[in-house]
């Protein structure tokens, strides 16, 4: 099921450490599962995540500078099962979206990207480490 949820707001930033320090100075708590290249903040059922702009472009389309690599923001839907990634990407395409990166096995799970008709970047991601509550809200 493709629930009406966004689990993670992924921001591509120039300097992950600097951006993380900014949000921490606002009083936001860094999630213990964060690491130097991927910092998460709990937003109560979803997360704000910081990643370098270069890493976001590489993950979404292969290389910075490739067509479609200009996004500094991705909205992430966390799938319950690995097979859901390809199925949900196909559903997005049937609805008028365009596939940026098909479902691909990664070192952390399975993921793929699509853009909505206005060009906004979405990732469908499955990782065994994600934890959800009964309402399918992300537990960071």
C-alpha atoms as a PDB file:
ATOM      1  CA  UNK A   1       0.000   0.000   0.000  1.00  0.00           C
ATOM      2  CA  UNK A   2       1.275   3.477  -0.862  1.00  0.00           C
ATOM      3  CA  UNK A   3       0.091   5.332   2.228  1.00  0.00           C
ATOM      4  CA  UNK A   4      -0.208   9.128   2.123  1.00  0.00           C
ATOM      5  CA  UNK A   5       2.971   9.635   4.120  1.00  0.00           C
ATOM      6  CA  UNK A   6       6.366  11.239   3.840  1.00  0.00           C
ATOM      7  CA  UNK A   7       8.770   9.632   6.275  1.00  0.00           C
ATOM      8  CA  UNK A   8      11.913  11.665   5.653  1.00  0.00           C
ATOM      9  CA  UNK A   9      12.633  15.138   4.304  1.00  0.00           C
ATOM     10  CA  UNK A  10      16.124  14.777   2.832  1.00  0.00           C
ATOM     11  CA  UNK A  11      18.065  18.011   2.405  1.00  0.00           C
ATOM     12  CA  UNK A  12      21.162  18.152   0.226  1.00  0.00           C
ATOM     13  CA  UNK A  13      23.516  20.563   1.985  1.00  0.00           C
ATOM     14  CA  UNK A  14      26.941  22.078   1.279  1.00  0.00           C
ATOM     15  CA  UNK A  15      28.412  21.023   4.643  1.00  0.00           C
ATOM     16  CA  UNK A  16      26.677  18.308   6.694  1.00  0.00           C
ATOM     17  CA  UNK A  17      28.532  19.133   9.940  1.00  0.00           C
ATOM     18  CA  UNK A  18      27.761  22.858   9.661  1.00  0.00           C
ATOM     19  CA  UNK A  19      24.098  22.236   8.877  1.00  0.00           C
ATOM     20  CA  UNK A  20      23.778  19.702  11.706  1.00  0.00           C
ATOM     21  CA  UNK A  21      25.308  22.218  14.126  1.00  0.00           C
ATOM     22  CA  UNK A  22      22.718  24.788  13.000  1.00  0.00           C
ATOM     23  CA  UNK A  23      19.774  22.497  13.773  1.00  0.00           C
ATOM     24  CA  UNK A  24      21.358  21.431  17.066  1.00  0.00           C
ATOM     25  CA  UNK A  25      21.731  25.130  17.983  1.00  0.00           C
ATOM     26  CA  UNK A  26      17.968  25.418  17.457  1.00  0.00           C
ATOM     27  CA  UNK A  27      17.596  22.772  20.151  1.00  0.00           C
ATOM     28  CA  UNK A  28      16.895  19.846  17.830  1.00  0.00           C
ATOM     29  CA  UNK A  29      18.199  16.463  18.987  1.00  0.00           C
ATOM     30  CA  UNK A  30      20.452  14.516  16.619  1.00  0.00           C
ATOM     31  CA  UNK A  31      19.215  10.917  16.277  1.00  0.00           C
ATOM     32  CA  UNK A  32      21.649   8.362  17.738  1.00  0.00           C
ATOM     33  CA  UNK A  33      21.592   6.443  14.441  1.00  0.00           C
ATOM     34  CA  UNK A  34      23.117   9.424  12.609  1.00  0.00           C
ATOM     35  CA  UNK A  35      26.669   9.382  11.275  1.00  0.00           C
ATOM     36  CA  UNK A  36      28.993  12.004   9.783  1.00  0.00           C
ATOM     37  CA  UNK A  37      27.569  11.753   6.250  1.00  0.00           C
ATOM     38  CA  UNK A  38      23.890  11.302   7.132  1.00  0.00           C
ATOM     39  CA  UNK A  39      22.453  13.174  10.112  1.00  0.00           C
ATOM     40  CA  UNK A  40      18.823  12.697  11.190  1.00  0.00           C
ATOM     41  CA  UNK A  41      16.556  14.706  13.464  1.00  0.00           C
ATOM     42  CA  UNK A  42      13.317  13.266  14.859  1.00  0.00           C
ATOM     43  CA  UNK A  43      10.297  15.321  13.814  1.00  0.00           C
ATOM     44  CA  UNK A  44       7.752  13.157  15.636  1.00  0.00           C
ATOM     45  CA  UNK A  45       6.826  10.352  13.243  1.00  0.00           C
ATOM     46  CA  UNK A  46       9.114  11.537  10.473  1.00  0.00           C
ATOM     47  CA  UNK A  47      12.669  12.811  10.171  1.00  0.00           C
ATOM     48  CA  UNK A  48      14.686  15.638   8.718  1.00  0.00           C
ATOM     49  CA  UNK A  49      17.870  14.157   7.247  1.00  0.00           C
ATOM     50  CA  UNK A  50      20.976  15.961   6.029  1.00  0.00           C
ATOM     51  CA  UNK A  51      23.263  14.603   3.312  1.00  0.00           C
ATOM     52  CA  UNK A  52      25.809  16.347   1.100  1.00  0.00           C
ATOM     53  CA  UNK A  53      24.449  17.735  -2.176  1.00  0.00           C
ATOM     54  CA  UNK A  54      27.029  15.641  -4.023  1.00  0.00           C
ATOM     55  CA  UNK A  55      25.986  12.412  -2.288  1.00  0.00           C
ATOM     56  CA  UNK A  56      22.299  13.117  -2.935  1.00  0.00           C
ATOM     57  CA  UNK A  57      22.971  13.673  -6.639  1.00  0.00           C
ATOM     58  CA  UNK A  58      25.101  10.502  -6.862  1.00  0.00           C
ATOM     59  CA  UNK A  59      22.447   8.432  -5.103  1.00  0.00           C
ATOM     60  CA  UNK A  60      19.543   9.768  -7.144  1.00  0.00           C
ATOM     61  CA  UNK A  61      20.982   9.840 -10.653  1.00  0.00           C
ATOM     62  CA  UNK A  62      24.521   8.508 -10.612  1.00  0.00           C
ATOM     63  CA  UNK A  63      26.729  11.581 -10.830  1.00  0.00           C
ATOM     64  CA  UNK A  64      26.451  15.262 -10.001  1.00  0.00           C
ATOM     65  CA  UNK A  65      25.840  17.150 -13.221  1.00  0.00           C
ATOM     66  CA  UNK A  66      23.829  14.337 -14.820  1.00  0.00           C
ATOM     67  CA  UNK A  67      20.411  15.402 -16.123  1.00  0.00           C
ATOM     68  CA  UNK A  68      18.009  15.570 -13.193  1.00  0.00           C
ATOM     69  CA  UNK A  69      20.788  15.876 -10.597  1.00  0.00           C
ATOM     70  CA  UNK A  70      19.921  19.444  -9.639  1.00  0.00           C
ATOM     71  CA  UNK A  71      17.648  18.677  -6.684  1.00  0.00           C
ATOM     72  CA  UNK A  72      18.745  19.678  -3.188  1.00  0.00           C
ATOM     73  CA  UNK A  73      15.659  18.090  -1.663  1.00  0.00           C
ATOM     74  CA  UNK A  74      14.043  14.673  -1.783  1.00  0.00           C
ATOM     75  CA  UNK A  75      10.945  13.453   0.004  1.00  0.00           C
ATOM     76  CA  UNK A  76      11.325   9.835   1.094  1.00  0.00           C
ATOM     77  CA  UNK A  77       8.659   7.180   1.473  1.00  0.00           C
ATOM     78  CA  UNK A  78       9.920   4.174   3.461  1.00  0.00           C
ATOM     79  CA  UNK A  79       8.488   0.953   2.057  1.00  0.00           C
ATOM     80  CA  UNK A  80       7.652  -1.998   4.278  1.00  0.00           C
ATOM     81  CA  UNK A  81       9.154  -4.660   1.969  1.00  0.00           C
ATOM     82  CA  UNK A  82      11.947  -4.616  -0.643  1.00  0.00           C
ATOM     83  CA  UNK A  83       9.535  -5.645  -3.424  1.00  0.00           C
ATOM     84  CA  UNK A  84       7.373  -2.609  -2.649  1.00  0.00           C
ATOM     85  CA  UNK A  85      10.042  -0.275  -4.051  1.00  0.00           C
ATOM     86  CA  UNK A  86       9.616  -1.357  -7.698  1.00  0.00           C
ATOM     87  CA  UNK A  87       5.847  -1.682  -7.312  1.00  0.00           C
ATOM     88  CA  UNK A  88       5.449   1.822  -5.869  1.00  0.00           C
ATOM     89  CA  UNK A  89       7.772   3.344  -8.480  1.00  0.00           C
ATOM     90  CA  UNK A  90       5.605   1.754 -11.193  1.00  0.00           C
ATOM     91  CA  UNK A  91       2.502   3.173  -9.528  1.00  0.00           C
ATOM     92  CA  UNK A  92       4.067   6.652  -9.515  1.00  0.00           C
ATOM     93  CA  UNK A  93       4.937   6.300 -13.203  1.00  0.00           C
ATOM     94  CA  UNK A  94       1.395   5.183 -14.099  1.00  0.00           C
ATOM     95  CA  UNK A  95       0.090   8.231 -12.235  1.00  0.00           C
ATOM     96  CA  UNK A  96       2.186  10.569 -14.406  1.00  0.00           C
ATOM     97  CA  UNK A  97       5.540  10.643 -12.632  1.00  0.00           C
ATOM     98  CA  UNK A  98       8.870   9.848 -14.282  1.00  0.00           C
ATOM     99  CA  UNK A  99      11.382   7.293 -13.038  1.00  0.00           C
ATOM    100  CA  UNK A 100      14.763   8.851 -12.279  1.00  0.00           C
ATOM    101  CA  UNK A 101      16.393   5.699 -10.920  1.00  0.00           C
ATOM    102  CA  UNK A 102      14.696   2.281 -10.989  1.00  0.00           C
ATOM    103  CA  UNK A 103      14.538   0.061  -7.915  1.00  0.00           C
ATOM    104  CA  UNK A 104      18.167  -0.772  -7.192  1.00  0.00           C
ATOM    105  CA  UNK A 105      19.808  -2.955  -4.567  1.00  0.00           C
ATOM    106  CA  UNK A 106      22.080  -0.747  -2.438  1.00  0.00           C
ATOM    107  CA  UNK A 107      24.495  -1.416   0.398  1.00  0.00           C
ATOM    108  CA  UNK A 108      21.737  -0.495   2.861  1.00  0.00           C
ATOM    109  CA  UNK A 109      18.627  -1.932   1.164  1.00  0.00           C
ATOM    110  CA  UNK A 110      16.582  -1.233  -1.958  1.00  0.00           C
ATOM    111  CA  UNK A 111      15.779   2.211  -3.314  1.00  0.00           C
ATOM    112  CA  UNK A 112      14.616   4.092  -6.381  1.00  0.00           C
ATOM    113  CA  UNK A 113      13.681   7.649  -7.312  1.00  0.00           C
ATOM    114  CA  UNK A 114      10.923   9.322  -9.277  1.00  0.00           C
ATOM    115  CA  UNK A 115       9.875  12.882 -10.029  1.00  0.00           C
ATOM    116  CA  UNK A 116       6.289  14.052  -9.833  1.00  0.00           C
ATOM    117  CA  UNK A 117       4.799  15.921 -12.836  1.00  0.00           C
ATOM    118  CA  UNK A 118       6.217  19.201 -11.451  1.00  0.00           C
ATOM    119  CA  UNK A 119       9.739  17.780 -11.112  1.00  0.00           C
ATOM    120  CA  UNK A 120       9.865  17.249  -7.339  1.00  0.00           C
ATOM    121  CA  UNK A 121      12.176  14.384  -6.367  1.00  0.00           C
ATOM    122  CA  UNK A 122      10.866  11.445  -4.327  1.00  0.00           C
ATOM    123  CA  UNK A 123      12.708   8.356  -3.116  1.00  0.00           C
ATOM    124  CA  UNK A 124      11.070   5.030  -2.341  1.00  0.00           C
ATOM    125  CA  UNK A 125      13.367   3.282   0.114  1.00  0.00           C
ATOM    126  CA  UNK A 126      13.403   0.012   2.001  1.00  0.00           C
ATOM    127  CA  UNK A 127      15.943  -0.676   4.727  1.00  0.00           C
ATOM    128  CA  UNK A 128      15.734  -3.336   7.416  1.00  0.00           C
ATOM    129  CA  UNK A 129      16.811  -0.763  10.035  1.00  0.00           C
ATOM    130  CA  UNK A 130      13.701   1.429   9.705  1.00  0.00           C
ATOM    131  CA  UNK A 131      11.273   1.049  12.616  1.00  0.00           C
ATOM    132  CA  UNK A 132       7.610   2.093  12.420  1.00  0.00           C
ATOM    133  CA  UNK A 133       4.799   2.468  14.922  1.00  0.00           C
ATOM    134  CA  UNK A 134       1.330   0.963  14.381  1.00  0.00           C
ATOM    135  CA  UNK A 135       0.291   3.933  12.228  1.00  0.00           C
ATOM    136  CA  UNK A 136       3.346   3.456   9.957  1.00  0.00           C
ATOM    137  CA  UNK A 137       5.034   6.586  11.335  1.00  0.00           C
ATOM    138  CA  UNK A 138       8.815   6.422  11.374  1.00  0.00           C
ATOM    139  CA  UNK A 139      10.467   5.911  14.758  1.00  0.00           C
ATOM    140  CA  UNK A 140      13.803   7.716  14.580  1.00  0.00           C
END
